């Protein structure tokens, strides 16, 4: 089963990074206020990117690396892997 790392641009300009199997369902949860604590206090503006990985382990490792990027680098990553 494929896993995805996804990037959400929040209304305040910050970038949230997470992993999920169903990105659309997870994004809907963030929009409804039932997602992560961070997106409850920083509401989503748009889904920037969804990057596919073979399994949860690979997605988790990628998520860790992406979270360490600067906001500028996260936006560049989002441009290269735009969400459908």
PDB file of N, CA and C in Angstrom:
ATOM      1  N   UNK A   1       0.839  -1.168   0.000  1.00  0.00           N
ATOM      2  CA  UNK A   1       0.000   0.000   0.000  1.00  0.00           C
ATOM      3  C   UNK A   1       0.892   1.242   0.000  1.00  0.00           C
ATOM      4  N   UNK A   2       0.585   2.173  -0.878  1.00  0.00           N
ATOM      5  CA  UNK A   2       1.366   3.404  -0.983  1.00  0.00           C
ATOM      6  C   UNK A   2       1.008   4.369   0.150  1.00  0.00           C
ATOM      7  N   UNK A   3       2.005   5.093   0.600  1.00  0.00           N
ATOM      8  CA  UNK A   3       1.845   6.167   1.584  1.00  0.00           C
ATOM      9  C   UNK A   3       2.307   7.455   0.933  1.00  0.00           C
ATOM     10  N   UNK A   4       1.809   8.568   1.432  1.00  0.00           N
ATOM     11  CA  UNK A   4       2.131   9.873   0.873  1.00  0.00           C
ATOM     12  C   UNK A   4       2.611  10.828   1.961  1.00  0.00           C
ATOM     13  N   UNK A   5       3.578  11.650   1.604  1.00  0.00           N
ATOM     14  CA  UNK A   5       3.925  12.814   2.405  1.00  0.00           C
ATOM     15  C   UNK A   5       3.191  13.963   1.729  1.00  0.00           C
ATOM     16  N   UNK A   6       2.491  14.764   2.528  1.00  0.00           N
ATOM     17  CA  UNK A   6       1.762  15.883   1.939  1.00  0.00           C
ATOM     18  C   UNK A   6       2.149  17.176   2.635  1.00  0.00           C
ATOM     19  N   UNK A   7       2.048  18.263   1.887  1.00  0.00           N
ATOM     20  CA  UNK A   7       2.373  19.599   2.390  1.00  0.00           C
ATOM     21  C   UNK A   7       1.130  20.461   2.259  1.00  0.00           C
ATOM     22  N   UNK A   8       0.784  21.157   3.334  1.00  0.00           N
ATOM     23  CA  UNK A   8      -0.359  22.061   3.352  1.00  0.00           C
ATOM     24  C   UNK A   8       0.147  23.466   3.645  1.00  0.00           C
ATOM     25  N   UNK A   9      -0.265  24.410   2.823  1.00  0.00           N
ATOM     26  CA  UNK A   9       0.011  25.816   3.131  1.00  0.00           C
ATOM     27  C   UNK A   9      -1.128  26.318   4.011  1.00  0.00           C
ATOM     28  N   UNK A  10      -0.772  26.879   5.153  1.00  0.00           N
ATOM     29  CA  UNK A  10      -1.770  27.393   6.097  1.00  0.00           C
ATOM     30  C   UNK A  10      -2.051  28.866   5.807  1.00  0.00           C
ATOM     31  N   UNK A  11      -3.156  29.360   6.342  1.00  0.00           N
ATOM     32  CA  UNK A  11      -3.561  30.753   6.091  1.00  0.00           C
ATOM     33  C   UNK A  11      -2.533  31.774   6.553  1.00  0.00           C
ATOM     34  N   UNK A  12      -1.748  31.421   7.554  1.00  0.00           N
ATOM     35  CA  UNK A  12      -0.725  32.353   8.040  1.00  0.00           C
ATOM     36  C   UNK A  12       0.584  32.245   7.256  1.00  0.00           C
ATOM     37  N   UNK A  13       0.591  31.411   6.208  1.00  0.00           N
ATOM     38  CA  UNK A  13       1.780  31.254   5.370  1.00  0.00           C
ATOM     39  C   UNK A  13       2.697  30.129   5.790  1.00  0.00           C
ATOM     40  N   UNK A  14       2.450  29.513   6.929  1.00  0.00           N
ATOM     41  CA  UNK A  14       3.284  28.393   7.369  1.00  0.00           C
ATOM     42  C   UNK A  14       2.962  27.151   6.535  1.00  0.00           C
ATOM     43  N   UNK A  15       3.855  26.178   6.597  1.00  0.00           N
ATOM     44  CA  UNK A  15       3.695  24.930   5.842  1.00  0.00           C
ATOM     45  C   UNK A  15       3.617  23.766   6.821  1.00  0.00           C
ATOM     46  N   UNK A  16       2.536  22.988   6.736  1.00  0.00           N
ATOM     47  CA  UNK A  16       2.373  21.792   7.569  1.00  0.00           C
ATOM     48  C   UNK A  16       2.755  20.584   6.731  1.00  0.00           C
ATOM     49  N   UNK A  17       3.464  19.641   7.327  1.00  0.00           N
ATOM     50  CA  UNK A  17       3.887  18.415   6.654  1.00  0.00           C
ATOM     51  C   UNK A  17       3.334  17.226   7.418  1.00  0.00           C
ATOM     52  N   UNK A  18       2.747  16.272   6.685  1.00  0.00           N
ATOM     53  CA  UNK A  18       2.204  15.072   7.316  1.00  0.00           C
ATOM     54  C   UNK A  18       2.278  13.882   6.381  1.00  0.00           C
ATOM     55  N   UNK A  19       1.872  12.709   6.886  1.00  0.00           N
ATOM     56  CA  UNK A  19       1.816  11.511   6.047  1.00  0.00           C
ATOM     57  C   UNK A  19       0.418  10.915   6.145  1.00  0.00           C
ATOM     58  N   UNK A  20       0.023  10.221   5.068  1.00  0.00           N
ATOM     59  CA  UNK A  20      -1.297   9.600   5.027  1.00  0.00           C
ATOM     60  C   UNK A  20      -1.355   8.602   3.882  1.00  0.00           C
ATOM     61  N   UNK A  21      -2.309   7.706   3.968  1.00  0.00           N
ATOM     62  CA  UNK A  21      -2.594   6.785   2.864  1.00  0.00           C
ATOM     63  C   UNK A  21      -3.549   7.468   1.890  1.00  0.00           C
ATOM     64  N   UNK A  22      -4.570   8.132   2.419  1.00  0.00           N
ATOM     65  CA  UNK A  22      -5.566   8.838   1.608  1.00  0.00           C
ATOM     66  C   UNK A  22      -5.423  10.337   1.875  1.00  0.00           C
ATOM     67  N   UNK A  23      -4.686  11.002   1.015  1.00  0.00           N
ATOM     68  CA  UNK A  23      -4.387  12.420   1.221  1.00  0.00           C
ATOM     69  C   UNK A  23      -5.658  13.265   1.176  1.00  0.00           C
ATOM     70  N   UNK A  24      -6.569  12.967   0.252  1.00  0.00           N
ATOM     71  CA  UNK A  24      -7.783  13.769   0.156  1.00  0.00           C
ATOM     72  C   UNK A  24      -8.627  13.678   1.417  1.00  0.00           C
ATOM     73  N   UNK A  25      -8.758  12.494   1.973  1.00  0.00           N
ATOM     74  CA  UNK A  25      -9.518  12.328   3.215  1.00  0.00           C
ATOM     75  C   UNK A  25      -8.819  13.030   4.373  1.00  0.00           C
ATOM     76  N   UNK A  26      -7.506  12.940   4.426  1.00  0.00           N
ATOM     77  CA  UNK A  26      -6.755  13.584   5.507  1.00  0.00           C
ATOM     78  C   UNK A  26      -6.851  15.102   5.399  1.00  0.00           C
ATOM     79  N   UNK A  27      -6.748  15.620   4.172  1.00  0.00           N
ATOM     80  CA  UNK A  27      -6.872  17.057   3.960  1.00  0.00           C
ATOM     81  C   UNK A  27      -8.270  17.532   4.369  1.00  0.00           C
ATOM     82  N   UNK A  28      -9.297  16.753   4.038  1.00  0.00           N
ATOM     83  CA  UNK A  28     -10.666  17.091   4.443  1.00  0.00           C
ATOM     84  C   UNK A  28     -10.768  17.151   5.967  1.00  0.00           C
ATOM     85  N   UNK A  29     -10.085  16.243   6.660  1.00  0.00           N
ATOM     86  CA  UNK A  29     -10.084  16.261   8.124  1.00  0.00           C
ATOM     87  C   UNK A  29      -9.425  17.543   8.641  1.00  0.00           C
ATOM     88  N   UNK A  30      -8.330  17.952   8.018  1.00  0.00           N
ATOM     89  CA  UNK A  30      -7.673  19.197   8.413  1.00  0.00           C
ATOM     90  C   UNK A  30      -8.616  20.384   8.186  1.00  0.00           C
ATOM     91  N   UNK A  31      -9.295  20.401   7.047  1.00  0.00           N
ATOM     92  CA  UNK A  31     -10.214  21.499   6.739  1.00  0.00           C
ATOM     93  C   UNK A  31     -11.366  21.587   7.735  1.00  0.00           C
ATOM     94  N   UNK A  32     -11.833  20.434   8.197  1.00  0.00           N
ATOM     95  CA  UNK A  32     -12.970  20.411   9.113  1.00  0.00           C
ATOM     96  C   UNK A  32     -12.578  20.673  10.566  1.00  0.00           C
ATOM     97  N   UNK A  33     -11.268  20.823  10.825  1.00  0.00           N
ATOM     98  CA  UNK A  33     -10.811  21.068  12.185  1.00  0.00           C
ATOM     99  C   UNK A  33     -10.573  19.804  12.979  1.00  0.00           C
ATOM    100  N   UNK A  34     -10.610  18.649  12.303  1.00  0.00           N
ATOM    101  CA  UNK A  34     -10.401  17.372  12.984  1.00  0.00           C
ATOM    102  C   UNK A  34      -9.068  16.737  12.611  1.00  0.00           C
ATOM    103  N   UNK A  35      -8.194  17.529  12.015  1.00  0.00           N
ATOM    104  CA  UNK A  35      -6.877  17.031  11.657  1.00  0.00           C
ATOM    105  C   UNK A  35      -5.927  17.218  12.816  1.00  0.00           C
ATOM    106  N   UNK A  36      -4.705  17.522  12.510  1.00  0.00           N
ATOM    107  CA  UNK A  36      -3.673  17.722  13.528  1.00  0.00           C
ATOM    108  C   UNK A  36      -3.948  18.971  14.356  1.00  0.00           C
ATOM    109  N   UNK A  37      -3.429  18.976  15.554  1.00  0.00           N
ATOM    110  CA  UNK A  37      -3.573  20.143  16.438  1.00  0.00           C
ATOM    111  C   UNK A  37      -3.049  21.407  15.753  1.00  0.00           C
ATOM    112  N   UNK A  38      -1.942  21.269  15.024  1.00  0.00           N
ATOM    113  CA  UNK A  38      -1.350  22.434  14.365  1.00  0.00           C
ATOM    114  C   UNK A  38      -2.330  23.078  13.389  1.00  0.00           C
ATOM    115  N   UNK A  39      -3.012  22.274  12.570  1.00  0.00           N
ATOM    116  CA  UNK A  39      -3.916  22.853  11.580  1.00  0.00           C
ATOM    117  C   UNK A  39      -5.233  23.318  12.193  1.00  0.00           C
ATOM    118  N   UNK A  40      -5.495  22.941  13.427  1.00  0.00           N
ATOM    119  CA  UNK A  40      -6.672  23.509  14.103  1.00  0.00           C
ATOM    120  C   UNK A  40      -6.400  24.963  14.471  1.00  0.00           C
ATOM    121  N   UNK A  41      -5.163  25.270  14.807  1.00  0.00           N
ATOM    122  CA  UNK A  41      -4.828  26.655  15.157  1.00  0.00           C
ATOM    123  C   UNK A  41      -4.225  27.437  13.989  1.00  0.00           C
ATOM    124  N   UNK A  42      -3.869  26.747  12.912  1.00  0.00           N
ATOM    125  CA  UNK A  42      -3.343  27.357  11.689  1.00  0.00           C
ATOM    126  C   UNK A  42      -4.141  26.767  10.525  1.00  0.00           C
ATOM    127  N   UNK A  43      -5.354  27.266  10.278  1.00  0.00           N
ATOM    128  CA  UNK A  43      -6.238  26.647   9.272  1.00  0.00           C
ATOM    129  C   UNK A  43      -5.589  26.549   7.889  1.00  0.00           C
ATOM    130  N   UNK A  44      -5.863  25.450   7.186  1.00  0.00           N
ATOM    131  CA  UNK A  44      -5.292  25.237   5.855  1.00  0.00           C
ATOM    132  C   UNK A  44      -5.819  26.229   4.821  1.00  0.00           C
ATOM    133  N   UNK A  45      -4.947  26.636   3.920  1.00  0.00           N
ATOM    134  CA  UNK A  45      -5.330  27.443   2.763  1.00  0.00           C
ATOM    135  C   UNK A  45      -5.443  26.549   1.535  1.00  0.00           C
ATOM    136  N   UNK A  46      -4.420  25.684   1.343  1.00  0.00           N
ATOM    137  CA  UNK A  46      -4.439  24.807   0.170  1.00  0.00           C
ATOM    138  C   UNK A  46      -3.452  23.659   0.352  1.00  0.00           C
ATOM    139  N   UNK A  47      -3.716  22.589  -0.370  1.00  0.00           N
ATOM    140  CA  UNK A  47      -2.818  21.447  -0.405  1.00  0.00           C
ATOM    141  C   UNK A  47      -1.743  21.753  -1.436  1.00  0.00           C
ATOM    142  N   UNK A  48      -0.497  21.785  -0.996  1.00  0.00           N
ATOM    143  CA  UNK A  48       0.616  22.125  -1.894  1.00  0.00           C
ATOM    144  C   UNK A  48       1.127  20.926  -2.672  1.00  0.00           C
ATOM    145  N   UNK A  49       1.299  19.797  -1.994  1.00  0.00           N
ATOM    146  CA  UNK A  49       1.947  18.656  -2.642  1.00  0.00           C
ATOM    147  C   UNK A  49       1.544  17.354  -1.981  1.00  0.00           C
ATOM    148  N   UNK A  50       1.635  16.298  -2.763  1.00  0.00           N
ATOM    149  CA  UNK A  50       1.458  14.934  -2.269  1.00  0.00           C
ATOM    150  C   UNK A  50       2.504  14.083  -2.985  1.00  0.00           C
ATOM    151  N   UNK A  51       3.412  13.501  -2.225  1.00  0.00           N
ATOM    152  CA  UNK A  51       4.529  12.737  -2.783  1.00  0.00           C
ATOM    153  C   UNK A  51       4.377  11.285  -2.349  1.00  0.00           C
ATOM    154  N   UNK A  52       4.347  10.390  -3.300  1.00  0.00           N
ATOM    155  CA  UNK A  52       4.098   8.973  -3.019  1.00  0.00           C
ATOM    156  C   UNK A  52       5.370   8.231  -2.618  1.00  0.00           C
ATOM    157  N   UNK A  53       5.198   7.325  -1.631  1.00  0.00           N
ATOM    158  CA  UNK A  53       6.276   6.445  -1.169  1.00  0.00           C
ATOM    159  C   UNK A  53       5.748   5.019  -1.100  1.00  0.00           C
ATOM    160  N   UNK A  54       6.645   4.058  -1.143  1.00  0.00           N
ATOM    161  CA  UNK A  54       6.261   2.650  -1.210  1.00  0.00           C
ATOM    162  C   UNK A  54       5.587   2.144   0.063  1.00  0.00           C
ATOM    163  N   UNK A  55       6.010   2.678   1.217  1.00  0.00           N
ATOM    164  CA  UNK A  55       5.457   2.183   2.483  1.00  0.00           C
ATOM    165  C   UNK A  55       5.537   3.264   3.552  1.00  0.00           C
ATOM    166  N   UNK A  56       4.979   2.953   4.707  1.00  0.00           N
ATOM    167  CA  UNK A  56       4.926   3.932   5.796  1.00  0.00           C
ATOM    168  C   UNK A  56       6.323   4.326   6.276  1.00  0.00           C
ATOM    169  N   UNK A  57       7.208   3.369   6.349  1.00  0.00           N
ATOM    170  CA  UNK A  57       8.559   3.654   6.812  1.00  0.00           C
ATOM    171  C   UNK A  57       9.243   4.687   5.918  1.00  0.00           C
ATOM    172  N   UNK A  58       9.166   4.497   4.617  1.00  0.00           N
ATOM    173  CA  UNK A  58       9.794   5.438   3.680  1.00  0.00           C
ATOM    174  C   UNK A  58       9.139   6.817   3.783  1.00  0.00           C
ATOM    175  N   UNK A  59       7.819   6.851   3.924  1.00  0.00           N
ATOM    176  CA  UNK A  59       7.105   8.127   4.048  1.00  0.00           C
ATOM    177  C   UNK A  59       7.491   8.834   5.342  1.00  0.00           C
ATOM    178  N   UNK A  60       7.615   8.095   6.429  1.00  0.00           N
ATOM    179  CA  UNK A  60       7.987   8.692   7.715  1.00  0.00           C
ATOM    180  C   UNK A  60       9.399   9.275   7.669  1.00  0.00           C
ATOM    181  N   UNK A  61      10.311   8.564   7.033  1.00  0.00           N
ATOM    182  CA  UNK A  61      11.684   9.068   6.907  1.00  0.00           C
ATOM    183  C   UNK A  61      11.717  10.328   6.061  1.00  0.00           C
ATOM    184  N   UNK A  62      10.955  10.332   4.972  1.00  0.00           N
ATOM    185  CA  UNK A  62      10.894  11.513   4.113  1.00  0.00           C
ATOM    186  C   UNK A  62      10.245  12.687   4.849  1.00  0.00           C
ATOM    187  N   UNK A  63       9.187  12.405   5.611  1.00  0.00           N
ATOM    188  CA  UNK A  63       8.514  13.448   6.391  1.00  0.00           C
ATOM    189  C   UNK A  63       9.515  14.109   7.348  1.00  0.00           C
ATOM    190  N   UNK A  64      10.307  13.316   8.021  1.00  0.00           N
ATOM    191  CA  UNK A  64      11.304  13.840   8.952  1.00  0.00           C
ATOM    192  C   UNK A  64      12.271  14.784   8.239  1.00  0.00           C
ATOM    193  N   UNK A  65      12.756  14.358   7.073  1.00  0.00           N
ATOM    194  CA  UNK A  65      13.700  15.182   6.317  1.00  0.00           C
ATOM    195  C   UNK A  65      13.036  16.465   5.820  1.00  0.00           C
ATOM    196  N   UNK A  66      11.807  16.365   5.343  1.00  0.00           N
ATOM    197  CA  UNK A  66      11.098  17.526   4.809  1.00  0.00           C
ATOM    198  C   UNK A  66      10.811  18.533   5.917  1.00  0.00           C
ATOM    199  N   UNK A  67      10.454  18.054   7.097  1.00  0.00           N
ATOM    200  CA  UNK A  67      10.176  18.961   8.208  1.00  0.00           C
ATOM    201  C   UNK A  67      11.401  19.786   8.590  1.00  0.00           C
ATOM    202  N   UNK A  68      12.569  19.311   8.260  1.00  0.00           N
ATOM    203  CA  UNK A  68      13.811  20.031   8.582  1.00  0.00           C
ATOM    204  C   UNK A  68      14.158  21.095   7.539  1.00  0.00           C
ATOM    205  N   UNK A  69      13.438  21.114   6.410  1.00  0.00           N
ATOM    206  CA  UNK A  69      13.686  22.094   5.356  1.00  0.00           C
ATOM    207  C   UNK A  69      13.181  23.475   5.760  1.00  0.00           C
ATOM    208  N   UNK A  70      13.719  24.482   5.143  1.00  0.00           N
ATOM    209  CA  UNK A  70      13.232  25.846   5.348  1.00  0.00           C
ATOM    210  C   UNK A  70      11.876  25.988   4.644  1.00  0.00           C
ATOM    211  N   UNK A  71      11.063  26.951   5.054  1.00  0.00           N
ATOM    212  CA  UNK A  71       9.794  27.185   4.360  1.00  0.00           C
ATOM    213  C   UNK A  71       9.991  27.403   2.853  1.00  0.00           C
ATOM    214  N   UNK A  72      11.045  28.111   2.488  1.00  0.00           N
ATOM    215  CA  UNK A  72      11.336  28.344   1.067  1.00  0.00           C
ATOM    216  C   UNK A  72      11.565  27.020   0.330  1.00  0.00           C
ATOM    217  N   UNK A  73      12.342  26.130   0.929  1.00  0.00           N
ATOM    218  CA  UNK A  73      12.626  24.839   0.302  1.00  0.00           C
ATOM    219  C   UNK A  73      11.374  23.963   0.251  1.00  0.00           C
ATOM    220  N   UNK A  74      10.522  24.066   1.274  1.00  0.00           N
ATOM    221  CA  UNK A  74       9.260  23.316   1.256  1.00  0.00           C
ATOM    222  C   UNK A  74       8.364  23.799   0.120  1.00  0.00           C
ATOM    223  N   UNK A  75       8.324  25.110  -0.101  1.00  0.00           N
ATOM    224  CA  UNK A  75       7.523  25.647  -1.206  1.00  0.00           C
ATOM    225  C   UNK A  75       8.067  25.182  -2.550  1.00  0.00           C
ATOM    226  N   UNK A  76       9.381  25.136  -2.676  1.00  0.00           N
ATOM    227  CA  UNK A  76       9.992  24.638  -3.919  1.00  0.00           C
ATOM    228  C   UNK A  76       9.630  23.166  -4.133  1.00  0.00           C
ATOM    229  N   UNK A  77       9.698  22.389  -3.081  1.00  0.00           N
ATOM    230  CA  UNK A  77       9.296  20.982  -3.153  1.00  0.00           C
ATOM    231  C   UNK A  77       7.827  20.886  -3.586  1.00  0.00           C
ATOM    232  N   UNK A  78       6.992  21.753  -3.031  1.00  0.00           N
ATOM    233  CA  UNK A  78       5.586  21.791  -3.407  1.00  0.00           C
ATOM    234  C   UNK A  78       5.383  22.115  -4.870  1.00  0.00           C
ATOM    235  N   UNK A  79       6.189  23.009  -5.410  1.00  0.00           N
ATOM    236  CA  UNK A  79       6.093  23.349  -6.840  1.00  0.00           C
ATOM    237  C   UNK A  79       6.470  22.151  -7.710  1.00  0.00           C
ATOM    238  N   UNK A  80       7.437  21.379  -7.248  1.00  0.00           N
ATOM    239  CA  UNK A  80       7.898  20.218  -8.031  1.00  0.00           C
ATOM    240  C   UNK A  80       6.943  19.039  -7.935  1.00  0.00           C
ATOM    241  N   UNK A  81       6.148  18.976  -6.870  1.00  0.00           N
ATOM    242  CA  UNK A  81       5.247  17.836  -6.645  1.00  0.00           C
ATOM    243  C   UNK A  81       3.835  18.315  -6.362  1.00  0.00           C
ATOM    244  N   UNK A  82       3.310  19.154  -7.223  1.00  0.00           N
ATOM    245  CA  UNK A  82       1.987  19.733  -6.985  1.00  0.00           C
ATOM    246  C   UNK A  82       0.946  18.651  -6.770  1.00  0.00           C
ATOM    247  N   UNK A  83       0.055  18.938  -5.814  1.00  0.00           N
ATOM    248  CA  UNK A  83      -1.026  18.009  -5.509  1.00  0.00           C
ATOM    249  C   UNK A  83      -2.037  17.988  -6.654  1.00  0.00           C
ATOM    250  N   UNK A  84      -2.624  16.821  -6.893  1.00  0.00           N
ATOM    251  CA  UNK A  84      -3.618  16.712  -7.989  1.00  0.00           C
ATOM    252  C   UNK A  84      -4.882  17.487  -7.695  1.00  0.00           C
TER     253      UNK A  84
END
